[in-house]
């Protein structure tokens, strides 16, 4: 057989093989795919439309823009917080909420004053600090004293030597996490650092700010005194200034610091919770509570913490009202007062409604910034399917997981009110938290709209469900899925 003939035969065989393979592939392609997964039920068109309305109309952003522009910072117990209450009453009425009211309570007032700190030696330079909420002032003219460095709060707790005549510096970096898991451990020094210093005779305490940023903005926040020990001043250093102090100590040098803060206790001051409702058509006495906190710290304009939460909860109500939806249960929107200084509005609310706590069928709060949620936590005793449906509509995974529902929901949760929470992405939340950087420009309107839509959908589902969320159903294990 010639070489040409051999090549021709080989080519023919290859073509036949290819043709057979192609035919086989086509035959396989024509075979219908077998889908063993049951089709998901169709989303209620009313809820789908509500979601789309909240996403497109940007109700939440418009509300937080107005609050931060027309009022600005809203330190608890001040004239600014009072103006914020008046603003919120007007806004609640404007968007169509019913039974709009302020429920007043009294808090111990506190306002900051002069804040100065510097390294006197070995390398004289200014430091950026801020007083922690509730701190007492330094003596007139300030304090100038040697500094004792503690890398962590645990190091101070384990210290047994006398610190009389010294300023204590507690460092310790907070770790970033989407759920803010690093906040609790880092916050110990802020809460009780002054008492731990006072136990050992210290004159004052400065801490590395409880935050995750590298900006030269110190973070404020509430502290606490133990009544059994002297009250000494406590302030927070910006991250870069804490780094500067650490580097000086790493060189083996002694540090002398001058510290002056002049906050004042202003006595009993008025605060209050602002409430508005979409009254239920069939079970008006049963309440689905959504909210945020109205007060803020005084360094920024309280956009992310927690103007966003006011925008999300009130914006969700506005979306429901403008969609013409009449819920069976009452949806109550609460703008809690005086959260930053100890959840005082939350406790006042729980006390006022202690005899009606059983009428609260579900509660949640938006108080973790303005970024979109990435999962849903179901902490309710029952009604898991209802909350899973809200998660499905918002295209989020859901899991049964212990949750307070948000800081201001803690007293209600402790009293037995069922809770849930949209877990927002807080990776960068503590870059801004309690600093001058907490301003409106940090909020993405589209991200905030996702939160608003989620709250609106969940509130309507919970208000219209036949489920009694307060009845245990035994589903207490953490499970994932929609």
Protein backbone atom coordinates (compact mmCIF):
# COMPACT_ATOMS: atom_id res chain seq x y z
CA UNK A 1 0.00 0.00 0.00
CA UNK A 2 1.40 3.39 -0.90
CA UNK A 3 2.20 6.06 1.65
CA UNK A 4 -0.52 8.30 0.14
CA UNK A 5 -3.12 5.53 0.48
CA UNK A 6 -2.11 4.88 4.09
CA UNK A 7 -2.57 8.57 4.90
CA UNK A 8 -5.98 8.61 3.17
CA UNK A 9 -7.17 5.60 5.16
CA UNK A 10 -5.95 7.14 8.41
CA UNK A 11 -7.73 10.36 7.61
CA UNK A 12 -10.94 8.52 6.82
CA UNK A 13 -10.79 6.58 10.07
CA UNK A 14 -10.15 9.80 12.02
CA UNK A 15 -13.10 11.51 10.37
CA UNK A 16 -15.35 8.58 11.14
CA UNK A 17 -14.23 8.60 14.77
CA UNK A 18 -14.78 12.32 15.02
CA UNK A 19 -18.18 12.00 13.44
CA UNK A 20 -19.12 9.28 15.90
CA UNK A 21 -17.85 11.34 18.87
CA UNK A 22 -19.73 14.41 17.64
CA UNK A 23 -22.92 12.41 17.24
CA UNK A 24 -22.47 11.01 20.75
CA UNK A 25 -21.94 14.48 22.19
CA UNK A 26 -24.99 15.80 20.39
CA UNK A 27 -27.02 12.84 21.61
CA UNK A 28 -25.90 13.52 25.18
CA UNK A 29 -26.65 17.24 24.81
CA UNK A 30 -30.17 16.49 23.63
CA UNK A 31 -30.91 14.34 26.68
CA UNK A 32 -32.94 16.35 29.21
CA UNK A 33 -31.08 17.30 32.42
CA UNK A 34 -32.44 15.74 35.58
CA UNK A 35 -32.97 18.34 38.35
CA UNK A 36 -33.67 16.65 41.65
CA UNK A 37 -33.83 19.92 43.61
CA UNK A 38 -37.42 21.10 44.08
CA UNK A 39 -38.21 24.47 42.59
CA UNK A 40 -38.27 27.32 45.09
CA UNK A 41 -41.72 28.78 45.64
CA UNK A 42 -42.43 32.03 43.87
CA UNK A 43 -41.81 35.20 45.85
CA UNK A 44 -44.95 37.03 46.87
CA UNK A 45 -45.28 39.79 44.24
CA UNK A 46 -46.25 42.34 46.89
CA UNK A 47 -43.03 41.69 48.77
CA UNK A 48 -40.99 41.65 45.57
CA UNK A 49 -42.42 45.05 44.68
CA UNK A 50 -41.78 46.35 48.21
CA UNK A 51 -38.16 45.24 48.01
CA UNK A 52 -37.71 46.96 44.66
CA UNK A 53 -39.36 50.15 45.90
CA UNK A 54 -37.04 50.36 48.92
CA UNK A 55 -33.99 49.67 46.75
CA UNK A 56 -34.82 52.29 44.14
CA UNK A 57 -36.30 55.11 46.22
CA UNK A 58 -33.39 55.40 48.70
CA UNK A 59 -35.72 56.36 51.57
CA UNK A 60 -33.13 55.53 54.22
CA UNK A 61 -30.42 57.70 52.73
CA UNK A 62 -32.75 60.70 52.43
CA UNK A 63 -33.61 60.40 56.12
CA UNK A 64 -30.02 60.13 57.38
CA UNK A 65 -28.98 62.95 55.06
CA UNK A 66 -31.62 65.20 56.59
CA UNK A 67 -30.79 64.21 60.16
CA UNK A 68 -27.05 64.74 59.85
CA UNK A 69 -27.36 67.95 57.83
CA UNK A 70 -30.17 69.66 59.70
CA UNK A 71 -29.20 68.53 63.21
CA UNK A 72 -25.65 67.14 63.07
CA UNK A 73 -24.07 65.62 66.20
CA UNK A 74 -26.56 64.57 68.88
CA UNK A 75 -24.82 64.01 72.20
CA UNK A 76 -27.24 62.47 74.71
CA UNK A 77 -28.80 64.92 77.15
CA UNK A 78 -27.86 68.03 75.17
CA UNK A 79 -29.84 70.65 73.33
CA UNK A 80 -28.75 68.96 70.09
CA UNK A 81 -30.39 65.67 71.08
CA UNK A 82 -33.56 67.62 71.92
CA UNK A 83 -33.53 69.17 68.44
CA UNK A 84 -33.04 65.69 66.99
CA UNK A 85 -36.16 64.48 68.79
CA UNK A 86 -38.17 67.37 67.36
CA UNK A 87 -36.75 66.66 63.90
CA UNK A 88 -37.63 62.97 64.17
CA UNK A 89 -41.20 63.66 65.31
CA UNK A 90 -41.69 65.87 62.26
CA UNK A 91 -40.12 63.28 59.95
CA UNK A 92 -42.18 60.40 61.34
CA UNK A 93 -45.36 62.42 60.82
CA UNK A 94 -44.25 63.45 57.33
CA UNK A 95 -43.73 59.86 56.17
CA UNK A 96 -47.14 58.84 57.50
CA UNK A 97 -46.48 57.05 60.77
CA UNK A 98 -49.28 57.08 63.36
CA UNK A 99 -49.29 57.65 67.11
CA UNK A 100 -46.06 59.64 66.84
CA UNK A 101 -44.80 60.63 70.26
CA UNK A 102 -41.79 61.27 72.48
CA UNK A 103 -41.52 59.14 75.60
CA UNK A 104 -39.22 61.12 77.93
CA UNK A 105 -36.77 59.96 80.55
CA UNK A 106 -33.91 61.58 82.46
CA UNK A 107 -30.19 60.85 82.23
CA UNK A 108 -27.02 62.11 83.96
CA UNK A 109 -25.62 64.76 81.62
CA UNK A 110 -21.99 65.00 80.52
CA UNK A 111 -20.18 67.30 78.10
CA UNK A 112 -16.57 67.43 77.00
CA UNK A 113 -14.34 70.47 77.26
CA UNK A 114 -10.70 71.23 76.56
CA UNK A 115 -8.59 68.24 75.46
CA UNK A 116 -4.80 68.49 75.29
CA UNK A 117 -1.92 66.09 75.67
CA UNK A 118 1.78 66.16 74.88
CA UNK A 119 5.02 64.34 75.48
CA UNK A 120 7.11 66.58 77.73
CA UNK A 121 10.20 64.36 77.52
CA UNK A 122 12.23 62.82 76.01
CA UNK A 123 10.91 64.08 72.64
CA UNK A 124 8.50 66.99 73.19
CA UNK A 125 5.50 66.83 70.84
CA UNK A 126 1.72 67.17 70.72
CA UNK A 127 -0.59 64.15 70.95
CA UNK A 128 -4.16 63.81 69.72
CA UNK A 129 -6.56 62.66 72.45
CA UNK A 130 -10.21 62.78 73.40
CA UNK A 131 -11.90 62.31 76.76
CA UNK A 132 -13.97 59.18 77.22
CA UNK A 133 -17.64 59.72 77.97
CA UNK A 134 -18.31 60.04 81.69
CA UNK A 135 -14.69 60.82 82.59
CA UNK A 136 -13.90 63.31 85.30
CA UNK A 137 -11.62 66.27 84.54
CA UNK A 138 -7.96 66.57 85.37
CA UNK A 139 -7.08 69.04 88.13
CA UNK A 140 -6.86 72.68 87.06
CA UNK A 141 -3.85 73.13 84.82
CA UNK A 142 -3.69 69.42 84.00
CA UNK A 143 -1.41 66.59 85.09
CA UNK A 144 2.28 66.24 84.27
CA UNK A 145 3.68 62.87 85.29
CA UNK A 146 5.76 59.85 84.24
CA UNK A 147 3.98 57.31 82.05
CA UNK A 148 3.87 53.57 82.74
CA UNK A 149 3.30 51.45 79.62
CA UNK A 150 1.11 48.34 79.56
CA UNK A 151 1.00 46.58 76.16
CA UNK A 152 -2.43 45.11 76.92
CA UNK A 153 -5.26 45.47 79.41
CA UNK A 154 -4.39 42.02 80.79
CA UNK A 155 -0.91 43.30 81.62
CA UNK A 156 -2.43 46.03 83.77
CA UNK A 157 -4.80 43.59 85.47
CA UNK A 158 -1.86 41.40 86.38
CA UNK A 159 0.24 44.30 87.71
CA UNK A 160 0.68 44.31 91.49
CA UNK A 161 3.04 47.24 92.05
CA UNK A 162 2.02 50.70 93.20
CA UNK A 163 1.45 53.25 90.42
CA UNK A 164 1.07 56.34 92.59
CA UNK A 165 2.00 59.55 90.83
CA UNK A 166 1.93 57.91 87.38
CA UNK A 167 -0.12 58.12 84.21
CA UNK A 168 -1.05 54.67 82.91
CA UNK A 169 -0.90 54.02 79.16
CA UNK A 170 -2.77 50.91 77.94
CA UNK A 171 -2.20 49.86 74.34
CA UNK A 172 -3.57 46.73 72.61
CA UNK A 173 -4.77 46.71 69.01
CA UNK A 174 -8.29 45.81 67.94
CA UNK A 175 -8.60 43.21 65.18
CA UNK A 176 -10.88 43.77 62.19
CA UNK A 177 -13.72 41.33 61.59
CA UNK A 178 -16.93 41.47 59.54
CA UNK A 179 -19.00 40.87 62.67
CA UNK A 180 -16.95 43.19 64.89
CA UNK A 181 -15.79 40.30 67.08
CA UNK A 182 -12.68 42.23 68.13
CA UNK A 183 -14.67 45.03 69.77
CA UNK A 184 -15.58 43.30 73.01
CA UNK A 185 -12.03 42.27 73.98
CA UNK A 186 -10.57 45.64 72.95
CA UNK A 187 -13.28 47.56 74.75
CA UNK A 188 -12.39 46.29 78.22
CA UNK A 189 -9.69 48.94 78.64
CA UNK A 190 -12.16 51.68 77.75
CA UNK A 191 -14.87 50.45 80.08
CA UNK A 192 -12.83 49.77 83.22
CA UNK A 193 -9.31 51.02 82.53
CA UNK A 194 -9.77 54.01 84.82
CA UNK A 195 -10.81 51.81 87.72
CA UNK A 196 -7.91 49.41 87.19
CA UNK A 197 -5.51 52.36 87.21
CA UNK A 198 -7.15 53.88 90.30
CA UNK A 199 -6.85 50.58 92.19
CA UNK A 200 -3.08 50.91 91.88
CA UNK A 201 -2.89 54.61 92.73
CA UNK A 202 -2.53 56.06 89.20
CA UNK A 203 -3.26 59.75 88.56
CA UNK A 204 -4.86 59.19 85.13
CA UNK A 205 -5.19 56.68 82.29
CA UNK A 206 -4.75 57.02 78.55
CA UNK A 207 -5.63 54.18 76.17
CA UNK A 208 -5.02 53.34 72.57
CA UNK A 209 -8.33 54.17 70.88
CA UNK A 210 -10.75 51.28 70.49
CA UNK A 211 -10.77 51.28 66.70
CA UNK A 212 -9.24 49.69 63.62
CA UNK A 213 -8.15 52.71 61.59
CA UNK A 214 -4.76 54.34 61.17
CA UNK A 215 -6.07 57.91 61.05
CA UNK A 216 -5.00 60.49 63.59
CA UNK A 217 -8.51 60.65 65.00
CA UNK A 218 -9.05 59.41 68.56
CA UNK A 219 -12.17 57.35 69.31
CA UNK A 220 -14.38 58.34 72.22
CA UNK A 221 -16.93 56.09 73.96
CA UNK A 222 -18.54 55.58 77.34
CA UNK A 223 -16.49 54.42 80.34
CA UNK A 224 -17.56 53.28 83.80
CA UNK A 225 -16.34 53.91 87.33
CA UNK A 226 -16.43 51.41 90.15
CA UNK A 227 -17.88 53.28 93.15
CA UNK A 228 -15.42 51.56 95.45
CA UNK A 229 -12.38 53.32 93.94
CA UNK A 230 -11.36 56.93 93.23
CA UNK A 231 -12.48 58.48 89.96
CA UNK A 232 -9.51 59.42 87.83
CA UNK A 233 -9.44 60.99 84.33
CA UNK A 234 -9.29 58.74 81.28
CA UNK A 235 -8.74 59.68 77.63
CA UNK A 236 -8.09 57.92 74.32
CA UNK A 237 -5.10 58.47 72.03
CA UNK A 238 -5.34 58.21 68.27
CA UNK A 239 -3.76 55.07 66.82
CA UNK A 240 -0.74 56.85 65.34
CA UNK A 241 -0.08 58.65 68.63
CA UNK A 242 -0.29 55.37 70.52
CA UNK A 243 2.25 53.99 68.04
CA UNK A 244 4.48 56.99 68.75
CA UNK A 245 4.40 56.32 72.48
CA UNK A 246 5.11 52.61 71.96
CA UNK A 247 8.13 53.35 69.78
CA UNK A 248 9.50 55.67 72.45
CA UNK A 249 9.19 52.96 75.10
CA UNK A 250 10.79 50.43 72.72
CA UNK A 251 13.87 52.68 72.73
CA UNK A 252 14.11 52.17 76.47
CA UNK A 253 13.32 55.81 77.22
CA UNK A 254 11.27 57.14 80.10
CA UNK A 255 8.27 59.24 79.08
CA UNK A 256 6.75 62.20 80.86
CA UNK A 257 3.35 63.33 79.62
CA UNK A 258 1.17 66.35 80.21
CA UNK A 259 -2.58 65.69 80.09
CA UNK A 260 -5.45 68.13 80.44
CA UNK A 261 -9.14 67.38 79.89
CA UNK A 262 -11.99 69.48 81.29
CA UNK A 263 -15.29 67.59 80.82
CA UNK A 264 -18.15 68.43 83.14
CA UNK A 265 -21.08 66.53 84.62
CA UNK A 266 -24.15 68.63 83.86
CA UNK A 267 -26.60 66.94 86.24
CA UNK A 268 -29.92 65.40 85.32
CA UNK A 269 -30.82 66.12 81.72
CA UNK A 270 -33.85 65.26 79.53
CA UNK A 271 -33.69 62.58 76.86
CA UNK A 272 -36.36 60.48 75.21
CA UNK A 273 -37.40 57.80 72.74
CA UNK A 274 -39.30 58.85 69.61
CA UNK A 275 -41.95 56.37 68.51
CA UNK A 276 -44.17 56.05 65.45
CA UNK A 277 -46.37 53.20 64.23
CA UNK A 278 -48.08 51.57 61.30
CA UNK A 279 -51.11 50.35 63.22
CA UNK A 280 -52.10 46.74 62.54
CA UNK A 281 -55.45 46.04 60.90
CA UNK A 282 -56.28 42.80 62.76
CA UNK A 283 -53.97 42.53 65.78
CA UNK A 284 -52.98 46.12 66.57
CA UNK A 285 -51.85 45.26 70.10
CA UNK A 286 -49.20 42.86 68.80
CA UNK A 287 -45.96 44.67 67.92
CA UNK A 288 -43.12 44.06 65.49
CA UNK A 289 -40.44 46.51 66.64
CA UNK A 290 -37.74 47.94 64.38
CA UNK A 291 -35.42 50.79 65.28
CA UNK A 292 -32.07 52.51 65.62
CA UNK A 293 -30.65 55.00 68.12
CA UNK A 294 -31.06 58.72 67.70
CA UNK A 295 -28.20 60.05 69.82
CA UNK A 296 -24.58 60.08 68.70
CA UNK A 297 -21.20 61.05 70.00
CA UNK A 298 -20.21 64.66 69.51
CA UNK A 299 -17.02 64.31 67.47
CA UNK A 300 -18.67 63.56 64.10
CA UNK A 301 -22.23 63.94 62.83
CA UNK A 302 -23.36 60.44 63.78
CA UNK A 303 -24.05 59.31 60.22
CA UNK A 304 -22.83 55.74 60.44
CA UNK A 305 -23.48 55.43 64.20
CA UNK A 306 -26.41 55.56 64.16
CA UNK A 307 -28.09 57.93 61.75
CA UNK A 308 -27.97 54.97 59.38
CA UNK A 309 -30.15 52.94 61.75
CA UNK A 310 -32.73 55.71 61.94
CA UNK A 311 -32.71 55.90 58.15
CA UNK A 312 -33.04 52.13 57.74
CA UNK A 313 -35.91 51.65 60.19
CA UNK A 314 -37.88 54.78 59.34
CA UNK A 315 -37.13 54.31 55.64
CA UNK A 316 -38.48 50.76 55.81
CA UNK A 317 -41.69 52.09 57.33
CA UNK A 318 -41.94 54.75 54.63
CA UNK A 319 -41.55 52.11 51.92
CA UNK A 320 -44.34 50.01 53.47
CA UNK A 321 -46.66 53.01 53.78
CA UNK A 322 -46.05 54.26 50.24
CA UNK A 323 -46.54 50.73 48.88
CA UNK A 324 -50.04 50.79 50.41
CA UNK A 325 -49.42 47.71 52.56
CA UNK A 326 -51.60 47.39 55.65
CA UNK A 327 -49.99 44.92 58.09
CA UNK A 328 -52.08 42.77 60.40
CA UNK A 329 -49.87 43.47 63.40
CA UNK A 330 -48.53 46.91 64.36
CA UNK A 331 -45.09 47.79 63.07
CA UNK A 332 -43.48 50.12 65.63
CA UNK A 333 -40.47 52.26 64.77
CA UNK A 334 -38.39 53.37 67.77
CA UNK A 335 -35.62 55.99 67.62
CA UNK A 336 -33.95 55.22 70.95
CA UNK A 337 -32.38 58.05 72.92
CA UNK A 338 -29.17 57.97 74.98
CA UNK A 339 -27.84 54.66 73.63
CA UNK A 340 -24.20 55.72 73.57
CA UNK A 341 -24.08 56.50 77.27
CA UNK A 342 -25.36 53.14 78.49
CA UNK A 343 -28.49 52.00 76.57
CA UNK A 344 -30.52 54.34 78.76
CA UNK A 345 -33.33 54.73 76.23
CA UNK A 346 -33.51 50.98 75.78
CA UNK A 347 -33.88 50.40 79.49
CA UNK A 348 -36.45 53.20 79.77
CA UNK A 349 -38.49 51.59 76.98
CA UNK A 350 -38.32 48.13 78.56
CA UNK A 351 -39.42 49.58 81.91
CA UNK A 352 -42.32 51.51 80.38
CA UNK A 353 -43.60 48.45 78.51
CA UNK A 354 -42.76 45.79 81.08
CA UNK A 355 -46.43 44.89 81.47
CA UNK A 356 -46.85 44.69 77.69
CA UNK A 357 -43.60 42.92 76.88
CA UNK A 358 -45.58 39.83 75.83
CA UNK A 359 -47.23 41.85 73.08
CA UNK A 360 -43.86 42.33 71.37
CA UNK A 361 -43.73 39.43 68.94
CA UNK A 362 -40.37 40.25 67.31
CA UNK A 363 -37.74 42.99 67.65
CA UNK A 364 -34.59 44.05 65.82
CA UNK A 365 -32.37 47.11 65.44
CA UNK A 366 -30.00 48.54 62.83
CA UNK A 367 -26.90 49.74 64.71
CA UNK A 368 -23.83 48.47 62.91
CA UNK A 369 -23.21 50.99 60.17
CA UNK A 370 -24.51 51.34 56.64
CA UNK A 371 -22.98 48.42 54.74
CA UNK A 372 -25.24 45.69 53.36
CA UNK A 373 -25.93 42.54 55.41
CA UNK A 374 -24.21 39.29 54.49
CA UNK A 375 -26.30 36.86 56.56
CA UNK A 376 -29.38 36.69 58.76
CA UNK A 377 -29.35 35.57 62.38
CA UNK A 378 -32.55 33.98 63.66
CA UNK A 379 -32.73 34.29 67.40
CA UNK A 380 -36.50 34.05 67.74
CA UNK A 381 -38.07 31.22 69.68
CA UNK A 382 -40.30 30.32 66.76
CA UNK A 383 -41.16 31.72 63.36
CA UNK A 384 -37.91 30.54 61.81
CA UNK A 385 -39.61 29.87 58.48
CA UNK A 386 -40.89 33.44 58.39
CA UNK A 387 -37.46 34.94 58.89
CA UNK A 388 -35.92 32.45 56.45
CA UNK A 389 -38.37 33.70 53.85
CA UNK A 390 -37.21 37.28 54.45
CA UNK A 391 -33.64 36.04 53.99
CA UNK A 392 -34.60 34.23 50.77
CA UNK A 393 -36.23 37.32 49.32
CA UNK A 394 -33.11 39.33 50.14
CA UNK A 395 -30.89 36.52 48.76
CA UNK A 396 -29.06 36.02 52.05
CA UNK A 397 -28.06 32.90 53.98
CA UNK A 398 -29.87 32.44 57.27
CA UNK A 399 -28.91 30.61 60.43
CA UNK A 400 -30.41 30.03 63.85
CA UNK A 401 -27.95 31.83 66.07
CA UNK A 402 -28.20 33.54 69.42
CA UNK A 403 -28.65 37.28 68.90
CA UNK A 404 -29.83 40.15 71.05
CA UNK A 405 -31.30 41.80 67.96
CA UNK A 406 -29.09 44.87 68.48
CA UNK A 407 -27.83 46.89 71.47
CA UNK A 408 -31.12 48.65 72.22
CA UNK A 409 -33.01 45.36 72.01
CA UNK A 410 -30.93 43.78 74.80
CA UNK A 411 -33.37 44.65 77.65
CA UNK A 412 -36.34 43.36 75.62
CA UNK A 413 -34.48 40.18 74.68
CA UNK A 414 -33.66 39.65 78.36
CA UNK A 415 -37.37 39.95 79.09
CA UNK A 416 -38.16 37.22 76.55
CA UNK A 417 -38.98 39.15 73.37
CA UNK A 418 -38.01 37.12 70.25
CA UNK A 419 -35.25 38.65 68.15
CA UNK A 420 -33.53 38.45 64.78
CA UNK A 421 -30.80 40.45 63.10
CA UNK A 422 -29.52 41.28 59.66
CA UNK A 423 -25.77 40.91 60.17
CA UNK A 424 -24.15 43.79 58.33
CA UNK A 425 -20.58 43.80 57.08
CA UNK A 426 -18.77 45.75 59.78
CA UNK A 427 -15.21 45.15 58.56
CA UNK A 428 -14.55 48.89 58.35
CA UNK A 429 -17.15 50.05 60.88
CA UNK A 430 -14.61 50.58 63.64
CA UNK A 431 -12.49 52.77 61.39
CA UNK A 432 -15.20 55.44 61.83
CA UNK A 433 -16.89 54.50 65.10
CA UNK A 434 -16.95 57.35 67.68
CA UNK A 435 -14.58 59.60 65.69
CA UNK A 436 -14.76 62.91 63.80
CA UNK A 437 -14.73 60.75 60.66
CA UNK A 438 -18.30 59.53 61.23
CA UNK A 439 -19.90 61.70 58.55
CA UNK A 440 -22.42 61.28 55.73
CA UNK A 441 -19.85 60.91 52.95
CA UNK A 442 -18.97 57.47 54.35
CA UNK A 443 -22.42 56.09 53.49
CA UNK A 444 -23.12 54.40 50.14
CA UNK A 445 -26.81 55.04 49.32
CA UNK A 446 -27.13 51.71 47.48
CA UNK A 447 -25.73 49.73 50.41
CA UNK A 448 -28.04 51.53 52.84
CA UNK A 449 -31.00 50.81 50.54
CA UNK A 450 -30.35 47.06 50.80
CA UNK A 451 -30.69 47.32 54.59
CA UNK A 452 -33.86 49.39 54.23
CA UNK A 453 -35.39 46.82 51.88
CA UNK A 454 -34.46 43.97 54.21
CA UNK A 455 -36.12 45.66 57.19
CA UNK A 456 -39.25 46.45 55.17
CA UNK A 457 -39.65 42.89 53.87
CA UNK A 458 -38.97 41.31 57.24
CA UNK A 459 -41.34 43.65 59.10
CA UNK A 460 -44.23 42.93 56.74
CA UNK A 461 -43.66 39.17 56.81
CA UNK A 462 -43.52 39.14 60.62
CA UNK A 463 -46.54 41.44 60.96
CA UNK A 464 -48.67 39.32 58.63
CA UNK A 465 -47.57 35.84 59.74
CA UNK A 466 -49.96 33.66 61.73
CA UNK A 467 -46.93 32.41 63.67
CA UNK A 468 -46.58 33.17 67.35
CA UNK A 469 -42.87 34.00 67.49
CA UNK A 470 -42.93 33.74 71.28
CA UNK A 471 -43.70 30.00 71.32
CA UNK A 472 -40.65 27.72 71.54
CA UNK A 473 -40.46 25.23 68.70
CA UNK A 474 -37.29 23.40 69.70
CA UNK A 475 -35.21 24.59 66.74
CA UNK A 476 -32.19 25.82 68.66
CA UNK A 477 -29.29 24.38 66.70
CA UNK A 478 -27.25 26.54 64.38
CA UNK A 479 -28.21 25.62 60.83
CA UNK A 480 -27.39 27.26 57.55
CA UNK A 481 -29.29 27.81 54.34
CA UNK A 482 -32.28 29.75 53.14
